[in-house]
Amino acid sequence: MSLTLIKETGAGLVDANSYADVADGNAYHDGHLYASAWTAATDAQKAVALVMASRLIDAEFQFNGTRTNAVQSLQWPRARCPEPDAIHVPLQVLLPIPSDFVRYDSVPKAVVQATCEMARELLIVDRTAAPAGEGLKYYNNAAVQTGYDKNDKRPVLSQVAQVMLTKYGSQISAHGGVVRLQRV
C-alpha cells in the first residue's frame, strides 16, 4: 500500500498529513547547498519523508495560538498565533494594516520550509532511532573501554528546523521546567 501525501492548505483538513508536498520540497532544495540526499530520492521516498517530518514537527513543537478547528489533523493552521514579522504601519497611512497574527487560514512559509529541511535530514539518517550506547555508561572489550555521555545525543529535529520554527512557538522538552508565557 502506498502513501498518499495530503498537504495542509490552511483549511484545517481532517486528513492532511504534511505541511509540504514534493513540489515544495523540490523548490526548497533548488537553493540548498547540500540537497543531494533529496535529489537522489524518488518522489515516493520524498513524500514519506515529508509526512514523517510533519509528524515530528507536530510532536516536538507547541505552536502559539490555537488550532482553527477541532477536527484538523495537524497543528496548523492556527488562530491568534503572533506574526513575528508583522509590519506596523502608522495609523495615519490609509493602507490596510497588516495583522499582528498569522492568517488563520494559512501555514507559514517557515513551517513549510522546516518540513522540507527535516525531510532531507530524515532521508540521510533516522533521527528517531536510539543513540549508540543508550543505557550504557561504559563498554569494555578487552583493553578498549568506551564511555558514553547520556546528555550527548542528536536532537530529533535538526538545529536548522528548530530555528525556523521557534518564531512561531517553542520546542517541547522532555526535561521540562520552563514554558514561555504568551499574553494575548
N, C-alpha and C. Protein backbone atom coordinates (compact mmCIF):
# COMPACT_ATOMS: atom_id res chain seq x y z
N MET A 1 0.85 -1.18 0.00
CA MET A 1 0.00 0.00 0.00
C MET A 1 0.89 1.24 0.00
N SER A 2 0.61 2.14 -0.87
CA SER A 2 1.46 3.34 -0.96
C SER A 2 0.81 4.51 -0.20
N LEU A 3 1.66 5.39 0.21
CA LEU A 3 1.24 6.57 0.97
C LEU A 3 0.65 7.61 0.03
N THR A 4 -0.42 8.23 0.46
CA THR A 4 -0.98 9.37 -0.25
C THR A 4 -0.69 10.61 0.58
N LEU A 5 0.16 11.47 0.08
CA LEU A 5 0.50 12.71 0.79
C LEU A 5 -0.65 13.69 0.59
N ILE A 6 -1.14 14.25 1.69
CA ILE A 6 -2.20 15.26 1.64
C ILE A 6 -1.66 16.50 2.34
N LYS A 7 -1.40 17.52 1.55
CA LYS A 7 -0.81 18.77 2.07
C LYS A 7 -1.89 19.62 2.75
N GLU A 8 -1.54 20.15 3.92
CA GLU A 8 -2.41 21.09 4.63
C GLU A 8 -2.37 22.41 3.86
N THR A 9 -3.53 22.87 3.43
CA THR A 9 -3.64 24.08 2.62
C THR A 9 -3.92 25.32 3.44
N GLY A 10 -4.24 25.13 4.71
CA GLY A 10 -4.69 26.23 5.55
C GLY A 10 -6.17 26.13 5.85
N ALA A 11 -6.80 25.09 5.30
CA ALA A 11 -8.24 24.89 5.51
C ALA A 11 -8.53 24.07 6.77
N GLY A 12 -7.51 23.57 7.43
CA GLY A 12 -7.73 22.74 8.61
C GLY A 12 -8.27 21.38 8.23
N LEU A 13 -7.64 20.75 7.26
CA LEU A 13 -8.11 19.47 6.73
C LEU A 13 -8.08 18.36 7.77
N VAL A 14 -9.08 17.52 7.75
CA VAL A 14 -9.18 16.41 8.69
C VAL A 14 -8.23 15.28 8.31
N ASP A 15 -7.80 15.23 7.05
CA ASP A 15 -6.96 14.14 6.58
C ASP A 15 -5.57 14.57 6.11
N ALA A 16 -5.19 15.82 6.36
CA ALA A 16 -3.86 16.29 5.95
C ALA A 16 -2.80 15.54 6.75
N ASN A 17 -1.69 15.23 6.10
CA ASN A 17 -0.60 14.53 6.79
C ASN A 17 0.76 15.18 6.56
N SER A 18 0.78 16.35 5.90
CA SER A 18 2.04 17.02 5.66
C SER A 18 1.83 18.53 5.50
N TYR A 19 2.85 19.27 5.89
CA TYR A 19 2.84 20.72 5.68
C TYR A 19 3.40 21.10 4.32
N ALA A 20 4.02 20.15 3.63
CA ALA A 20 4.64 20.43 2.34
C ALA A 20 4.40 19.25 1.42
N ASP A 21 4.43 19.51 0.13
CA ASP A 21 4.35 18.42 -0.84
C ASP A 21 5.68 18.31 -1.57
N VAL A 22 5.79 17.36 -2.47
CA VAL A 22 7.06 17.12 -3.17
C VAL A 22 7.48 18.35 -3.96
N ALA A 23 6.53 19.06 -4.56
CA ALA A 23 6.87 20.28 -5.32
C ALA A 23 7.48 21.33 -4.39
N ASP A 24 6.94 21.49 -3.17
CA ASP A 24 7.52 22.41 -2.19
C ASP A 24 8.95 21.99 -1.86
N GLY A 25 9.13 20.69 -1.64
CA GLY A 25 10.46 20.17 -1.31
C GLY A 25 11.45 20.40 -2.43
N ASN A 26 11.02 20.17 -3.65
CA ASN A 26 11.91 20.39 -4.80
C ASN A 26 12.29 21.86 -4.91
N ALA A 27 11.32 22.75 -4.73
CA ALA A 27 11.61 24.20 -4.81
C ALA A 27 12.55 24.62 -3.68
N TYR A 28 12.31 24.13 -2.47
CA TYR A 28 13.17 24.46 -1.34
C TYR A 28 14.61 23.99 -1.58
N HIS A 29 14.75 22.78 -2.08
CA HIS A 29 16.08 22.20 -2.26
C HIS A 29 16.80 22.71 -3.50
N ASP A 30 16.09 23.42 -4.39
CA ASP A 30 16.76 24.06 -5.54
C ASP A 30 17.83 25.03 -5.06
N GLY A 31 17.60 25.66 -3.92
CA GLY A 31 18.54 26.62 -3.38
C GLY A 31 19.34 26.09 -2.20
N HIS A 32 19.41 24.78 -2.06
CA HIS A 32 20.08 24.17 -0.90
C HIS A 32 21.44 23.62 -1.34
N LEU A 33 22.47 24.00 -0.64
CA LEU A 33 23.82 23.59 -0.98
C LEU A 33 24.04 22.09 -0.79
N TYR A 34 23.32 21.48 0.14
CA TYR A 34 23.52 20.06 0.46
C TYR A 34 22.26 19.25 0.14
N ALA A 35 21.75 19.41 -1.05
CA ALA A 35 20.48 18.81 -1.45
C ALA A 35 20.61 17.40 -2.03
N SER A 36 21.79 16.83 -2.07
CA SER A 36 21.99 15.56 -2.78
C SER A 36 21.11 14.42 -2.24
N ALA A 37 20.90 14.35 -0.94
CA ALA A 37 20.04 13.29 -0.40
C ALA A 37 18.61 13.46 -0.90
N TRP A 38 18.16 14.70 -1.02
CA TRP A 38 16.82 14.97 -1.52
C TRP A 38 16.73 14.66 -3.01
N THR A 39 17.65 15.16 -3.80
CA THR A 39 17.57 14.99 -5.24
C THR A 39 17.76 13.53 -5.66
N ALA A 40 18.46 12.72 -4.87
CA ALA A 40 18.68 11.31 -5.19
C ALA A 40 17.47 10.44 -4.84
N ALA A 41 16.56 10.95 -4.02
CA ALA A 41 15.40 10.18 -3.58
C ALA A 41 14.31 10.16 -4.66
N THR A 42 13.50 9.11 -4.64
CA THR A 42 12.34 9.03 -5.53
C THR A 42 11.23 9.92 -4.97
N ASP A 43 10.23 10.22 -5.80
CA ASP A 43 9.11 11.02 -5.31
C ASP A 43 8.38 10.32 -4.17
N ALA A 44 8.29 9.00 -4.22
CA ALA A 44 7.63 8.24 -3.14
C ALA A 44 8.42 8.37 -1.83
N GLN A 45 9.74 8.28 -1.90
CA GLN A 45 10.58 8.45 -0.70
C GLN A 45 10.46 9.87 -0.15
N LYS A 46 10.42 10.85 -1.05
CA LYS A 46 10.28 12.24 -0.64
C LYS A 46 8.94 12.45 0.09
N ALA A 47 7.88 11.86 -0.44
CA ALA A 47 6.55 12.01 0.18
C ALA A 47 6.54 11.41 1.58
N VAL A 48 7.11 10.23 1.75
CA VAL A 48 7.17 9.59 3.07
C VAL A 48 7.99 10.45 4.03
N ALA A 49 9.11 10.99 3.55
CA ALA A 49 9.96 11.84 4.40
C ALA A 49 9.22 13.11 4.82
N LEU A 50 8.44 13.70 3.92
CA LEU A 50 7.68 14.91 4.26
C LEU A 50 6.59 14.62 5.29
N VAL A 51 5.92 13.49 5.16
CA VAL A 51 4.89 13.12 6.12
C VAL A 51 5.53 12.87 7.49
N MET A 52 6.64 12.14 7.52
CA MET A 52 7.32 11.87 8.79
C MET A 52 7.84 13.17 9.41
N ALA A 53 8.38 14.06 8.60
CA ALA A 53 8.87 15.34 9.10
C ALA A 53 7.73 16.13 9.74
N SER A 54 6.56 16.12 9.12
CA SER A 54 5.39 16.83 9.69
C SER A 54 4.98 16.22 11.02
N ARG A 55 5.01 14.90 11.11
CA ARG A 55 4.68 14.23 12.38
C ARG A 55 5.65 14.65 13.48
N LEU A 56 6.93 14.67 13.14
CA LEU A 56 7.94 15.02 14.15
C LEU A 56 7.82 16.48 14.58
N ILE A 57 7.54 17.35 13.64
CA ILE A 57 7.36 18.77 13.97
C ILE A 57 6.17 18.93 14.92
N ASP A 58 5.06 18.28 14.61
CA ASP A 58 3.89 18.37 15.49
C ASP A 58 4.15 17.74 16.86
N ALA A 59 4.97 16.71 16.90
CA ALA A 59 5.26 16.05 18.18
C ALA A 59 6.25 16.85 19.02
N GLU A 60 7.16 17.56 18.37
CA GLU A 60 8.26 18.23 19.07
C GLU A 60 7.97 19.70 19.39
N PHE A 61 6.99 20.32 18.73
CA PHE A 61 6.75 21.75 18.89
C PHE A 61 5.34 22.04 19.38
N GLN A 62 5.25 23.03 20.26
CA GLN A 62 3.96 23.59 20.65
C GLN A 62 3.92 24.99 20.06
N PHE A 63 3.06 25.17 19.09
CA PHE A 63 2.97 26.46 18.43
C PHE A 63 2.05 27.39 19.20
N ASN A 64 2.29 28.68 19.05
CA ASN A 64 1.48 29.70 19.70
C ASN A 64 0.08 29.71 19.10
N GLY A 65 -0.86 30.28 19.82
CA GLY A 65 -2.24 30.35 19.35
C GLY A 65 -2.95 29.03 19.56
N THR A 66 -4.04 28.85 18.84
CA THR A 66 -4.84 27.64 18.96
C THR A 66 -5.18 27.10 17.57
N ARG A 67 -5.49 25.82 17.50
CA ARG A 67 -5.92 25.24 16.23
C ARG A 67 -7.17 25.97 15.77
N THR A 68 -7.37 26.07 14.47
CA THR A 68 -8.55 26.80 13.98
C THR A 68 -9.82 25.98 14.06
N ASN A 69 -9.71 24.66 14.09
CA ASN A 69 -10.91 23.84 14.29
C ASN A 69 -10.54 22.54 15.00
N ALA A 70 -11.52 21.91 15.59
CA ALA A 70 -11.28 20.74 16.44
C ALA A 70 -10.95 19.48 15.66
N VAL A 71 -11.27 19.43 14.39
CA VAL A 71 -11.08 18.19 13.64
C VAL A 71 -9.84 18.19 12.74
N GLN A 72 -9.11 19.29 12.68
CA GLN A 72 -7.93 19.30 11.81
C GLN A 72 -6.90 18.31 12.32
N SER A 73 -6.17 17.70 11.40
CA SER A 73 -5.25 16.63 11.79
C SER A 73 -3.87 17.13 12.20
N LEU A 74 -3.46 18.30 11.76
CA LEU A 74 -2.15 18.85 12.10
C LEU A 74 -2.30 20.08 12.98
N GLN A 75 -1.20 20.55 13.53
CA GLN A 75 -1.26 21.74 14.41
C GLN A 75 -1.58 23.02 13.64
N TRP A 76 -1.20 23.09 12.39
CA TRP A 76 -1.52 24.26 11.56
C TRP A 76 -2.68 23.92 10.67
N PRO A 77 -3.57 24.89 10.38
CA PRO A 77 -3.48 26.32 10.67
C PRO A 77 -3.83 26.63 12.13
N ARG A 78 -3.44 27.86 12.55
CA ARG A 78 -3.64 28.29 13.93
C ARG A 78 -4.31 29.66 13.94
N ALA A 79 -5.08 29.89 14.96
CA ALA A 79 -5.70 31.19 15.19
C ALA A 79 -4.91 31.91 16.28
N ARG A 80 -4.80 33.19 16.15
CA ARG A 80 -4.16 34.06 17.15
C ARG A 80 -2.71 33.67 17.45
N CYS A 81 -2.01 33.21 16.43
CA CYS A 81 -0.57 32.97 16.56
C CYS A 81 0.14 34.25 16.14
N PRO A 82 0.86 34.88 17.06
CA PRO A 82 1.53 36.14 16.73
C PRO A 82 2.45 36.00 15.51
N GLU A 83 2.41 37.01 14.65
CA GLU A 83 3.26 37.06 13.47
C GLU A 83 4.50 37.88 13.83
N PRO A 84 5.64 37.22 14.00
CA PRO A 84 6.83 37.95 14.43
C PRO A 84 7.35 38.94 13.39
N ASP A 85 6.97 38.75 12.15
CA ASP A 85 7.47 39.63 11.08
C ASP A 85 6.42 40.64 10.63
N ALA A 86 5.40 40.89 11.45
CA ALA A 86 4.34 41.84 11.08
C ALA A 86 4.94 43.23 10.92
N ILE A 87 4.46 43.93 9.92
CA ILE A 87 4.89 45.30 9.67
C ILE A 87 3.84 46.22 10.27
N HIS A 88 4.27 47.08 11.15
CA HIS A 88 3.32 48.00 11.79
C HIS A 88 3.32 49.31 11.01
N VAL A 89 2.16 49.63 10.44
CA VAL A 89 2.00 50.83 9.64
C VAL A 89 1.39 51.92 10.51
N PRO A 90 1.94 53.14 10.47
CA PRO A 90 1.33 54.23 11.26
C PRO A 90 -0.14 54.41 10.89
N LEU A 91 -0.95 54.74 11.88
CA LEU A 91 -2.39 54.86 11.67
C LEU A 91 -2.77 55.91 10.63
N GLN A 92 -1.93 56.92 10.46
CA GLN A 92 -2.30 57.98 9.53
C GLN A 92 -2.16 57.54 8.07
N VAL A 93 -1.49 56.44 7.81
CA VAL A 93 -1.36 55.94 6.45
C VAL A 93 -2.63 55.18 6.10
N LEU A 94 -3.24 55.50 4.98
CA LEU A 94 -4.51 54.88 4.61
C LEU A 94 -4.29 53.63 3.77
N LEU A 95 -3.60 52.67 4.36
CA LEU A 95 -3.38 51.37 3.72
C LEU A 95 -3.95 50.31 4.65
N PRO A 96 -4.29 49.16 4.10
CA PRO A 96 -4.72 48.09 5.01
C PRO A 96 -3.58 47.76 5.98
N ILE A 97 -3.90 47.73 7.26
CA ILE A 97 -2.88 47.47 8.27
C ILE A 97 -2.72 45.96 8.41
N PRO A 98 -1.51 45.47 8.26
CA PRO A 98 -1.31 44.02 8.42
C PRO A 98 -1.65 43.58 9.84
N SER A 99 -2.12 42.36 9.93
CA SER A 99 -2.47 41.80 11.23
C SER A 99 -1.21 41.49 12.02
N ASP A 100 -1.34 41.53 13.33
CA ASP A 100 -0.24 41.12 14.21
C ASP A 100 -0.22 39.61 14.38
N PHE A 101 -1.12 38.89 13.70
CA PHE A 101 -1.22 37.45 13.81
C PHE A 101 -1.06 36.80 12.43
N VAL A 102 -0.60 35.57 12.44
CA VAL A 102 -0.54 34.78 11.21
C VAL A 102 -1.97 34.57 10.74
N ARG A 103 -2.21 34.62 9.44
CA ARG A 103 -3.55 34.38 8.91
C ARG A 103 -4.07 33.03 9.40
N TYR A 104 -5.28 33.00 9.87
CA TYR A 104 -5.88 31.78 10.44
C TYR A 104 -6.11 30.69 9.39
N ASP A 105 -5.99 31.04 8.11
CA ASP A 105 -6.24 30.08 7.03
C ASP A 105 -4.98 29.80 6.22
N SER A 106 -3.84 29.77 6.92
CA SER A 106 -2.58 29.56 6.21
C SER A 106 -1.61 28.74 7.06
N VAL A 107 -0.57 28.28 6.40
CA VAL A 107 0.55 27.63 7.06
C VAL A 107 1.76 28.51 6.72
N PRO A 108 2.47 29.04 7.73
CA PRO A 108 3.59 29.94 7.45
C PRO A 108 4.66 29.28 6.57
N LYS A 109 5.27 30.08 5.74
CA LYS A 109 6.33 29.60 4.86
C LYS A 109 7.45 28.92 5.65
N ALA A 110 7.76 29.43 6.84
CA ALA A 110 8.82 28.85 7.67
C ALA A 110 8.47 27.43 8.10
N VAL A 111 7.20 27.14 8.32
CA VAL A 111 6.78 25.78 8.70
C VAL A 111 6.93 24.85 7.51
N VAL A 112 6.56 25.31 6.33
CA VAL A 112 6.73 24.52 5.11
C VAL A 112 8.22 24.25 4.87
N GLN A 113 9.05 25.27 5.00
CA GLN A 113 10.48 25.10 4.78
C GLN A 113 11.11 24.19 5.83
N ALA A 114 10.71 24.32 7.08
CA ALA A 114 11.24 23.44 8.13
C ALA A 114 10.86 21.99 7.85
N THR A 115 9.68 21.78 7.31
CA THR A 115 9.24 20.43 6.94
C THR A 115 10.14 19.88 5.84
N CYS A 116 10.46 20.69 4.85
CA CYS A 116 11.34 20.27 3.76
C CYS A 116 12.75 19.98 4.28
N GLU A 117 13.23 20.81 5.17
CA GLU A 117 14.57 20.62 5.76
C GLU A 117 14.62 19.32 6.55
N MET A 118 13.60 19.07 7.36
CA MET A 118 13.57 17.84 8.15
C MET A 118 13.42 16.61 7.27
N ALA A 119 12.67 16.72 6.19
CA ALA A 119 12.52 15.59 5.26
C ALA A 119 13.88 15.20 4.68
N ARG A 120 14.68 16.18 4.31
CA ARG A 120 16.03 15.89 3.80
C ARG A 120 16.86 15.21 4.87
N GLU A 121 16.80 15.71 6.09
CA GLU A 121 17.55 15.11 7.20
C GLU A 121 17.13 13.66 7.43
N LEU A 122 15.84 13.38 7.30
CA LEU A 122 15.35 12.02 7.51
C LEU A 122 15.78 11.08 6.38
N LEU A 123 15.98 11.62 5.20
CA LEU A 123 16.48 10.80 4.10
C LEU A 123 17.95 10.41 4.32
N ILE A 124 18.65 11.19 5.13
CA ILE A 124 20.06 10.92 5.42
C ILE A 124 20.19 9.89 6.54
N VAL A 125 19.46 10.09 7.63
CA VAL A 125 19.58 9.20 8.80
C VAL A 125 18.27 9.21 9.59
N ASP A 126 17.98 8.10 10.24
CA ASP A 126 16.80 8.01 11.10
C ASP A 126 17.09 8.75 12.39
N ARG A 127 16.55 9.95 12.52
CA ARG A 127 16.81 10.77 13.69
C ARG A 127 15.96 10.35 14.89
N THR A 128 15.08 9.39 14.69
CA THR A 128 14.26 8.90 15.80
C THR A 128 14.84 7.66 16.44
N ALA A 129 15.89 7.08 15.85
CA ALA A 129 16.49 5.86 16.38
C ALA A 129 17.22 6.15 17.69
N ALA A 130 17.29 5.12 18.54
CA ALA A 130 18.02 5.25 19.80
C ALA A 130 19.50 5.47 19.52
N PRO A 131 20.16 6.35 20.27
CA PRO A 131 21.58 6.58 20.05
C PRO A 131 22.43 5.37 20.44
N ALA A 132 23.59 5.27 19.82
CA ALA A 132 24.51 4.17 20.16
C ALA A 132 24.84 4.22 21.65
N GLY A 133 24.81 3.08 22.28
CA GLY A 133 25.17 3.01 23.69
C GLY A 133 24.09 3.47 24.64
N GLU A 134 22.86 3.63 24.14
CA GLU A 134 21.78 4.09 25.03
C GLU A 134 21.67 3.13 26.22
N GLY A 135 21.65 3.69 27.40
CA GLY A 135 21.54 2.89 28.61
C GLY A 135 22.87 2.44 29.17
N LEU A 136 23.94 2.61 28.42
CA LEU A 136 25.27 2.21 28.89
C LEU A 136 26.03 3.42 29.38
N LYS A 137 26.83 3.23 30.38
CA LYS A 137 27.74 4.28 30.81
C LYS A 137 29.13 3.98 30.26
N TYR A 138 29.52 2.71 30.33
CA TYR A 138 30.81 2.28 29.80
C TYR A 138 30.64 0.94 29.10
N TYR A 139 31.48 0.71 28.10
CA TYR A 139 31.53 -0.56 27.41
C TYR A 139 32.98 -1.02 27.40
N ASN A 140 33.24 -2.21 27.92
CA ASN A 140 34.59 -2.75 27.96
C ASN A 140 34.69 -3.93 27.01
N ASN A 141 35.72 -3.92 26.19
CA ASN A 141 36.02 -5.03 25.29
C ASN A 141 37.52 -5.21 25.28
N ALA A 142 37.99 -6.19 26.01
CA ALA A 142 39.44 -6.46 26.17
C ALA A 142 40.10 -5.20 26.75
N ALA A 143 41.01 -4.62 26.03
CA ALA A 143 41.75 -3.46 26.54
C ALA A 143 41.11 -2.13 26.14
N VAL A 144 39.97 -2.19 25.43
CA VAL A 144 39.32 -0.97 24.96
C VAL A 144 38.10 -0.67 25.84
N GLN A 145 38.06 0.55 26.36
CA GLN A 145 36.93 0.97 27.17
C GLN A 145 36.32 2.20 26.50
N THR A 146 35.01 2.17 26.29
CA THR A 146 34.31 3.29 25.67
C THR A 146 33.32 3.85 26.68
N GLY A 147 33.33 5.18 26.86
CA GLY A 147 32.38 5.84 27.76
C GLY A 147 31.34 6.58 26.95
N TYR A 148 30.11 6.60 27.44
CA TYR A 148 29.01 7.28 26.77
C TYR A 148 28.48 8.39 27.65
N ASP A 149 28.22 9.53 27.05
CA ASP A 149 27.62 10.65 27.75
C ASP A 149 26.14 10.66 27.40
N LYS A 150 25.27 10.38 28.35
CA LYS A 150 23.84 10.29 28.10
C LYS A 150 23.23 11.62 27.64
N ASN A 151 23.89 12.72 27.92
CA ASN A 151 23.38 14.02 27.52
C ASN A 151 23.83 14.42 26.12
N ASP A 152 24.73 13.64 25.52
CA ASP A 152 25.25 13.97 24.19
C ASP A 152 24.52 13.13 23.15
N LYS A 153 23.37 13.63 22.71
CA LYS A 153 22.63 12.91 21.68
C LYS A 153 22.03 13.91 20.70
N ARG A 154 21.88 13.44 19.49
CA ARG A 154 21.35 14.29 18.43
C ARG A 154 19.87 14.56 18.68
N PRO A 155 19.43 15.81 18.57
CA PRO A 155 18.01 16.09 18.73
C PRO A 155 17.22 15.50 17.55
N VAL A 156 15.97 15.18 17.78
CA VAL A 156 15.13 14.63 16.71
C VAL A 156 15.00 15.67 15.60
N LEU A 157 14.67 16.90 15.96
CA LEU A 157 14.58 17.97 14.96
C LEU A 157 15.96 18.59 14.77
N SER A 158 16.33 18.82 13.53
CA SER A 158 17.63 19.43 13.26
C SER A 158 17.67 20.85 13.81
N GLN A 159 18.87 21.34 14.06
CA GLN A 159 19.03 22.71 14.56
C GLN A 159 18.44 23.72 13.59
N VAL A 160 18.61 23.48 12.29
CA VAL A 160 18.07 24.40 11.27
C VAL A 160 16.55 24.44 11.35
N ALA A 161 15.91 23.28 11.43
CA ALA A 161 14.45 23.24 11.53
C ALA A 161 13.96 23.92 12.82
N GLN A 162 14.68 23.69 13.92
CA GLN A 162 14.30 24.31 15.19
C GLN A 162 14.32 25.83 15.07
N VAL A 163 15.35 26.36 14.45
CA VAL A 163 15.47 27.82 14.30
C VAL A 163 14.32 28.36 13.44
N MET A 164 13.99 27.64 12.38
CA MET A 164 12.90 28.08 11.50
C MET A 164 11.57 28.13 12.24
N LEU A 165 11.35 27.17 13.14
CA LEU A 165 10.06 27.04 13.82
C LEU A 165 9.93 27.89 15.08
N THR A 166 11.02 28.23 15.71
CA THR A 166 10.99 28.91 17.00
C THR A 166 10.25 30.24 16.97
N LYS A 167 10.19 30.91 15.84
CA LYS A 167 9.48 32.19 15.79
C LYS A 167 7.97 32.02 15.96
N TYR A 168 7.47 30.80 15.79
CA TYR A 168 6.03 30.55 15.90
C TYR A 168 5.64 29.71 17.12
N GLY A 169 6.61 29.31 17.92
CA GLY A 169 6.29 28.51 19.10
C GLY A 169 7.56 28.08 19.80
N SER A 170 7.45 27.04 20.59
CA SER A 170 8.62 26.57 21.33
C SER A 170 8.66 25.05 21.30
N GLN A 171 9.88 24.54 21.39
CA GLN A 171 10.06 23.10 21.37
C GLN A 171 9.63 22.51 22.71
N ILE A 172 8.93 21.40 22.63
CA ILE A 172 8.52 20.68 23.83
C ILE A 172 9.73 19.90 24.30
N SER A 173 10.07 20.07 25.55
CA SER A 173 11.25 19.42 26.10
C SER A 173 10.84 18.33 27.08
N ALA A 174 11.47 17.17 26.94
CA ALA A 174 11.20 16.10 27.89
C ALA A 174 11.72 16.44 29.28
N HIS A 175 12.66 17.38 29.32
CA HIS A 175 13.24 17.79 30.60
C HIS A 175 12.36 18.81 31.30
N GLY A 176 11.53 19.53 30.54
CA GLY A 176 10.55 20.46 31.07
C GLY A 176 11.12 21.50 32.02
N GLY A 177 10.21 22.15 32.73
CA GLY A 177 10.61 23.12 33.74
C GLY A 177 10.41 24.55 33.31
N VAL A 178 10.49 24.85 32.01
CA VAL A 178 10.37 26.22 31.56
C VAL A 178 9.37 26.27 30.42
N VAL A 179 8.41 27.19 30.52
CA VAL A 179 7.46 27.41 29.45
C VAL A 179 7.42 28.89 29.15
N ARG A 180 7.12 29.21 27.91
CA ARG A 180 7.01 30.61 27.52
C ARG A 180 5.58 31.07 27.75
N LEU A 181 5.42 32.18 28.46
CA LEU A 181 4.11 32.75 28.73
C LEU A 181 3.76 33.71 27.61
N GLN A 182 2.61 33.54 27.01
CA GLN A 182 2.17 34.40 25.92
C GLN A 182 0.90 35.10 26.33
N ARG A 183 0.91 36.41 26.38
CA ARG A 183 -0.30 37.16 26.70
C ARG A 183 -0.94 37.62 25.42
N VAL A 184 -2.23 37.45 25.34
CA VAL A 184 -2.94 37.81 24.11
C VAL A 184 -4.00 38.83 24.41
